[in-house]
Protein backbone atom coordinates (compact mmCIF):
# COMPACT_ATOMS: atom_id res chain seq x y z
CA MET A 1 0.00 0.00 0.00
CA THR A 2 2.81 2.41 0.88
CA ARG A 3 4.54 1.67 -2.36
CA LYS A 4 1.34 2.41 -4.31
CA MET A 5 0.87 5.77 -2.48
CA MET A 6 4.43 6.82 -3.26
CA ILE A 7 3.96 5.95 -6.91
CA GLY A 8 0.69 7.94 -6.97
CA LEU A 9 2.27 11.00 -5.36
CA ALA A 10 5.18 10.89 -7.77
CA ALA A 11 2.77 10.74 -10.68
CA ALA A 12 0.79 13.71 -9.34
CA ALA A 13 3.96 15.72 -8.84
CA ALA A 14 5.08 14.94 -12.36
CA PHE A 15 1.70 16.09 -13.68
CA VAL A 16 1.92 19.39 -11.77
CA MET A 17 5.45 20.00 -13.02
CA ALA A 18 4.31 19.37 -16.57
CA VAL A 19 1.48 21.90 -16.21
CA LEU A 20 3.81 24.52 -14.77
CA MET A 21 6.28 24.02 -17.59
CA VAL A 22 3.50 24.77 -20.09
CA THR A 23 1.76 27.65 -18.32
CA GLY A 24 4.80 29.28 -16.75
CA PHE A 25 5.93 29.77 -13.14
CA PRO A 26 4.54 31.50 -11.16
CA PRO A 27 1.11 30.98 -12.72
CA ASP A 28 -0.64 33.90 -14.52
CA LEU A 29 -3.03 35.52 -12.03
CA GLY A 30 -4.90 37.48 -14.71
CA GLY A 31 -6.72 40.56 -13.38
CA VAL A 32 -5.27 40.17 -9.89
CA GLN A 33 -1.74 40.69 -11.11
CA GLY A 34 -2.83 43.79 -13.10
CA THR A 35 -4.44 45.28 -9.99
CA VAL A 36 -1.34 44.73 -7.93
CA GLY A 37 0.77 46.33 -10.66
CA GLN A 38 -1.47 49.39 -10.74
CA ALA A 39 -1.32 49.70 -6.97
CA LYS A 40 2.46 49.63 -7.06
CA ARG A 41 2.52 52.37 -9.68
CA TYR A 42 0.24 54.68 -7.69
CA THR A 43 2.14 54.18 -4.43
CA ALA A 44 5.36 55.42 -5.98
CA PRO A 45 6.80 58.52 -4.26
CA GLN A 46 5.43 61.81 -5.58
CA MET A 47 7.77 64.11 -7.47
CA ALA A 48 9.06 67.17 -5.74
CA ALA A 49 8.21 70.55 -7.26
CA GLY A 50 11.59 70.81 -8.91
CA ASP A 51 11.18 67.37 -10.49
CA ALA A 52 7.86 68.12 -12.19
CA ALA A 53 7.97 67.88 -15.96
CA VAL A 54 6.93 71.16 -17.57
CA GLY A 55 7.62 70.34 -21.22
CA ASP A 56 9.70 73.37 -22.15
CA PRO A 57 13.42 72.87 -21.37
CA ALA A 58 13.89 76.51 -20.37
CA ALA A 59 10.94 76.27 -17.98
CA GLN A 60 12.30 73.04 -16.49
CA GLN A 61 15.70 74.65 -16.07
CA PHE A 62 14.12 77.64 -14.32
CA ILE A 63 12.23 75.44 -11.82
CA GLN A 64 15.52 73.71 -10.97
CA SER A 65 17.50 76.97 -10.74
CA GLU A 66 18.83 78.99 -7.83
CA THR A 67 16.64 81.86 -9.03
CA PHE A 68 13.52 79.79 -8.38
CA ALA A 69 14.89 78.63 -5.03
CA ALA A 70 15.42 82.27 -3.99
CA LEU A 71 11.93 83.16 -5.20
CA LEU A 72 10.40 80.49 -2.98
CA LYS A 73 11.99 82.17 0.05
CA ASP A 74 10.48 85.57 -0.76
CA ARG A 75 7.20 85.81 1.17
CA GLU A 76 5.83 88.88 -0.63
CA ALA A 77 6.56 87.43 -4.05
CA MET A 78 4.94 84.14 -3.06
CA LYS A 79 1.80 85.93 -1.88
CA LEU A 80 1.58 87.71 -5.22
CA LEU A 81 2.13 84.54 -7.24
CA ALA A 82 -0.33 82.54 -5.15
CA ASP A 83 -3.13 83.88 -7.36
CA PRO A 84 -3.57 81.37 -10.23
CA GLN A 85 -5.22 83.96 -12.51
CA LEU A 86 -2.26 86.28 -12.13
CA ARG A 87 0.10 83.42 -12.93
CA VAL A 88 -1.84 82.78 -16.13
CA LEU A 89 -1.55 86.46 -17.06
CA LEU A 90 2.19 86.42 -16.46
CA SER A 91 2.56 83.32 -18.61
CA GLU A 92 0.50 84.43 -21.61
CA GLN A 93 0.85 88.14 -22.27
CA GLY A 94 4.53 88.94 -21.87
CA LEU A 95 3.85 91.06 -18.81
CA ALA A 96 6.63 89.34 -16.86
CA ALA A 97 9.31 90.60 -19.26
CA GLU A 98 7.96 94.15 -19.10
CA LEU A 99 7.81 94.14 -15.30
CA SER A 100 11.40 92.93 -15.11
CA ARG A 101 12.78 95.80 -17.18
CA GLY A 102 12.52 98.20 -14.26
CA ASP A 103 10.84 101.15 -15.99
CA LEU A 104 7.30 99.87 -15.49
CA ALA A 105 8.12 98.71 -11.97
CA GLU A 106 9.46 102.17 -11.12
CA ALA A 107 6.40 103.82 -12.65
CA LEU A 108 4.07 101.65 -10.59
CA ALA A 109 6.04 102.30 -7.42
CA SER A 110 5.98 106.08 -8.02
CA MET A 111 2.25 106.05 -8.74
CA GLU A 112 1.63 103.91 -5.67
CA ALA A 113 3.57 106.30 -3.45
CA SER A 114 1.64 109.33 -4.70
CA GLY A 115 -1.75 107.68 -4.34
CA ALA A 116 -2.50 108.24 -8.04
CA LEU A 117 -2.55 104.56 -8.84
CA HIS A 118 -5.17 103.81 -6.21
CA GLN A 119 -7.43 106.64 -7.40
CA LEU A 120 -7.30 105.58 -11.02
CA ILE A 121 -7.53 101.82 -10.65
CA ASN A 122 -10.50 101.92 -8.27
CA ASN A 123 -12.73 103.43 -10.97
CA ALA A 124 -13.85 100.65 -13.33
CA ASP A 125 -15.11 103.02 -16.02
CA LEU A 126 -11.88 104.98 -15.95
CA ARG A 127 -9.86 101.76 -16.18
CA ALA A 128 -11.75 100.93 -19.35
CA ASP A 129 -10.95 104.37 -20.77
CA LEU A 130 -7.26 103.96 -19.95
CA GLN A 131 -7.11 100.96 -22.28
CA ASP A 132 -8.03 103.13 -25.27
CA ALA A 133 -4.95 103.95 -27.32
CA SER A 134 -6.58 107.11 -28.67
CA LEU A 135 -6.84 108.53 -25.15
CA ARG A 136 -3.12 108.04 -24.63
CA THR A 137 -2.55 110.00 -27.83
CA TRP A 138 -4.72 112.88 -26.58
CA LEU A 139 -3.04 112.93 -23.18
CA ALA A 140 0.35 113.24 -24.87
CA ASN A 141 -0.79 116.45 -26.64
CA ALA A 142 0.96 119.37 -24.92
CA ASP A 143 -1.47 122.06 -26.13
CA LEU A 144 -4.45 120.06 -24.92
CA LEU A 145 -2.84 119.42 -21.55
CA ASN A 146 -2.17 123.13 -21.09
CA ARG A 147 -5.87 123.81 -21.56
CA LEU A 148 -6.90 121.05 -19.18
CA GLN A 149 -4.69 122.49 -16.46
CA THR A 150 -6.73 125.68 -16.21
CA ALA A 151 -9.43 125.95 -13.56
CA GLU A 152 -11.94 127.35 -16.07
CA VAL A 153 -11.72 124.33 -18.35
CA ARG A 154 -11.95 121.90 -15.44
CA ALA A 155 -15.06 123.68 -14.17
CA GLY A 156 -16.59 123.55 -17.65
CA LEU A 157 -15.91 119.80 -17.90
CA ALA A 158 -17.64 119.24 -14.57
CA ALA A 159 -20.66 121.26 -15.76
CA ASN A 160 -20.69 119.50 -19.15
CA ALA A 161 -20.50 122.85 -20.96
CA ASN A 162 -19.57 123.30 -24.62
CA LEU A 163 -16.79 120.74 -24.76
CA ALA A 164 -15.46 121.75 -28.16
CA ALA A 165 -15.01 125.34 -27.07
CA LEU A 166 -13.46 124.26 -23.77
CA VAL A 167 -10.81 121.90 -25.08
CA GLY A 168 -10.30 123.64 -28.42
CA ASN A 169 -10.53 120.39 -30.33
CA ALA A 170 -13.77 119.08 -31.83
CA ASP A 171 -12.49 115.51 -32.12
CA PHE A 172 -11.49 115.32 -28.48
CA ALA A 173 -14.77 116.97 -27.48
CA ALA A 174 -16.66 114.24 -29.32
CA TYR A 175 -14.48 111.66 -27.62
CA LEU A 176 -15.33 113.08 -24.18
CA SER A 177 -19.05 113.39 -24.82
CA SER A 178 -19.79 109.75 -24.02
CA ARG A 179 -17.19 109.32 -21.28
CA SER A 180 -18.58 110.73 -18.05
CA ALA A 181 -15.95 109.06 -15.83
CA LEU A 182 -13.13 110.54 -17.88
CA ARG A 183 -14.70 114.01 -17.86
CA ALA A 184 -15.07 113.84 -14.08
CA ALA A 185 -11.45 112.77 -13.72
CA LEU A 186 -10.19 115.58 -15.94
CA ALA A 187 -12.28 118.07 -13.96
CA ASN A 188 -10.60 116.97 -10.72
CA GLU A 189 -7.16 118.52 -10.23
CA THR A 190 -5.74 115.52 -8.35
CA MET A 191 -7.07 113.02 -10.85
CA LEU A 192 -5.89 115.15 -13.77
CA LYS A 193 -2.36 115.12 -12.41
CA ALA A 194 -2.56 111.36 -12.02
CA LEU A 195 -3.93 110.87 -15.54
CA THR A 196 -1.25 113.04 -17.12
CA SER A 197 1.66 111.82 -15.00
CA ALA A 198 4.70 110.67 -16.90
CA ASP A 199 4.65 107.41 -14.97
CA LEU A 200 1.12 106.50 -16.00
CA LEU A 201 1.64 107.53 -19.60
CA HIS A 202 4.79 105.43 -19.71
CA ALA A 203 2.93 102.40 -18.37
CA LEU A 204 -0.01 102.89 -20.72
CA ARG A 205 2.28 103.04 -23.75
CA LEU A 206 2.85 99.34 -23.15
CA PRO A 207 -0.08 97.48 -24.75
CA VAL A 208 0.47 94.58 -22.37
CA PHE A 209 -0.15 96.85 -19.36
CA ALA A 210 -3.32 98.34 -20.82
CA SER A 211 -4.55 94.83 -21.63
CA ALA A 212 -3.75 93.62 -18.10
CA LEU A 213 -6.21 96.17 -16.72
CA ASN A 214 -8.92 93.74 -17.88
CA ASN A 215 -7.61 91.09 -15.51
CA ALA A 216 -9.31 91.11 -12.09
CA SER A 217 -6.30 89.60 -10.34
CA PHE A 218 -3.92 92.16 -11.83
CA VAL A 219 -6.25 94.99 -10.82
CA HIS A 220 -6.47 93.58 -7.30
CA ALA A 221 -2.67 93.38 -7.11
CA LEU A 222 -2.51 97.05 -8.11
CA GLN A 223 -5.29 98.15 -5.75
CA SER A 224 -3.78 96.37 -2.77
CA GLY A 225 -0.26 97.56 -3.49
CA ASN A 226 0.95 93.96 -3.54
CA LEU A 227 2.44 94.27 -7.02
CA ALA A 228 4.36 97.47 -6.33
CA GLN A 229 5.65 96.03 -3.05
CA ALA A 230 6.64 92.68 -4.54
CA LEU A 231 8.55 94.37 -7.36
CA HIS A 232 11.00 95.72 -4.77
CA SER A 233 12.20 92.13 -4.44
CA ASP A 234 15.40 91.30 -6.32
CA ALA A 235 14.38 87.65 -6.31
CA LEU A 236 11.10 88.39 -8.11
CA VAL A 237 12.68 90.75 -10.64
CA ARG A 238 15.35 88.18 -11.49
CA ALA A 239 12.67 85.51 -11.86
CA LEU A 240 10.53 87.69 -14.13
CA ALA A 241 13.56 88.34 -16.35
CA ASP A 242 14.37 84.64 -16.72
CA PRO A 243 13.44 83.33 -20.21
CA GLY A 244 11.96 80.20 -18.67
CA PHE A 245 9.69 82.01 -16.21
CA ALA A 246 6.72 82.60 -18.54
CA ASN A 247 6.28 78.89 -19.24
CA ALA A 248 7.33 77.71 -15.80
CA VAL A 249 4.81 79.90 -13.97
CA ALA A 250 1.96 77.97 -15.63
CA SER A 251 3.43 74.53 -14.88
CA PRO A 252 2.23 72.01 -12.27
CA GLY A 253 5.63 72.13 -10.58
CA PHE A 254 5.33 75.87 -10.00
CA ALA A 255 1.83 75.52 -8.56
CA GLN A 256 3.01 72.71 -6.25
CA ALA A 257 5.86 74.86 -4.97
CA ILE A 258 3.50 77.78 -4.30
CA ALA A 259 1.09 75.50 -2.44
CA ALA A 260 3.92 74.12 -0.30
CA ALA A 261 5.35 77.54 0.57
CA ASP A 262 4.62 78.91 4.03
CA LEU A 263 3.06 82.29 3.24
CA HIS A 264 2.43 83.17 6.88
CA GLN A 265 5.88 82.73 8.31
């Protein structure tokens, strides 16, 4: 009996070995093995912000640079860049390059210090007027500005008197006729000085700045003074000037780094 059992076990073992040789070892677990494989892939360590793929080599290089590392340590810059809409604006319209040049940053800082920026930006209708290239042309006209500086003309604008006779230019009078916010601003001595300031005119000569006045996040950054304050940061200015910044600022790696930064320290 023992001999027969041993022979039977040997035969069974041989059969199992033959099956394994055909099907492979270990056996194919079908869907179970696929599930385990997926689980292993999803439990892999997450990439750090600097490791995130951003597609553009210059953007990737920026995220791995010392410039970006310094930017992450700048609390004011991080607060500014925490707004995703503002990051989109900086990535799409070339505003970053203009802000890094210094002239626009200085103009904004000067306007912020004088209070002119706050007065102008807080008026939505006036912001819309400031985006009109034809207005910038009128405001650059020395003869017209000399007229606007007089108290009599400002009083006439406030009273909506004969505009053509007041400003001495029928075309500009027609332009003003449908712009009540602009007429009110020109009639106000403080607002007139702000509207005709060299700093504002310089900024408005840049189409990208005029276009940015349509962006709620950019307007908020101006109204709050966050933009003017952040532009005092060497780290931010260097970052804005980097050729990889525009693409990097819209990348997942940049957003991850912003989210991880301690903005309240």
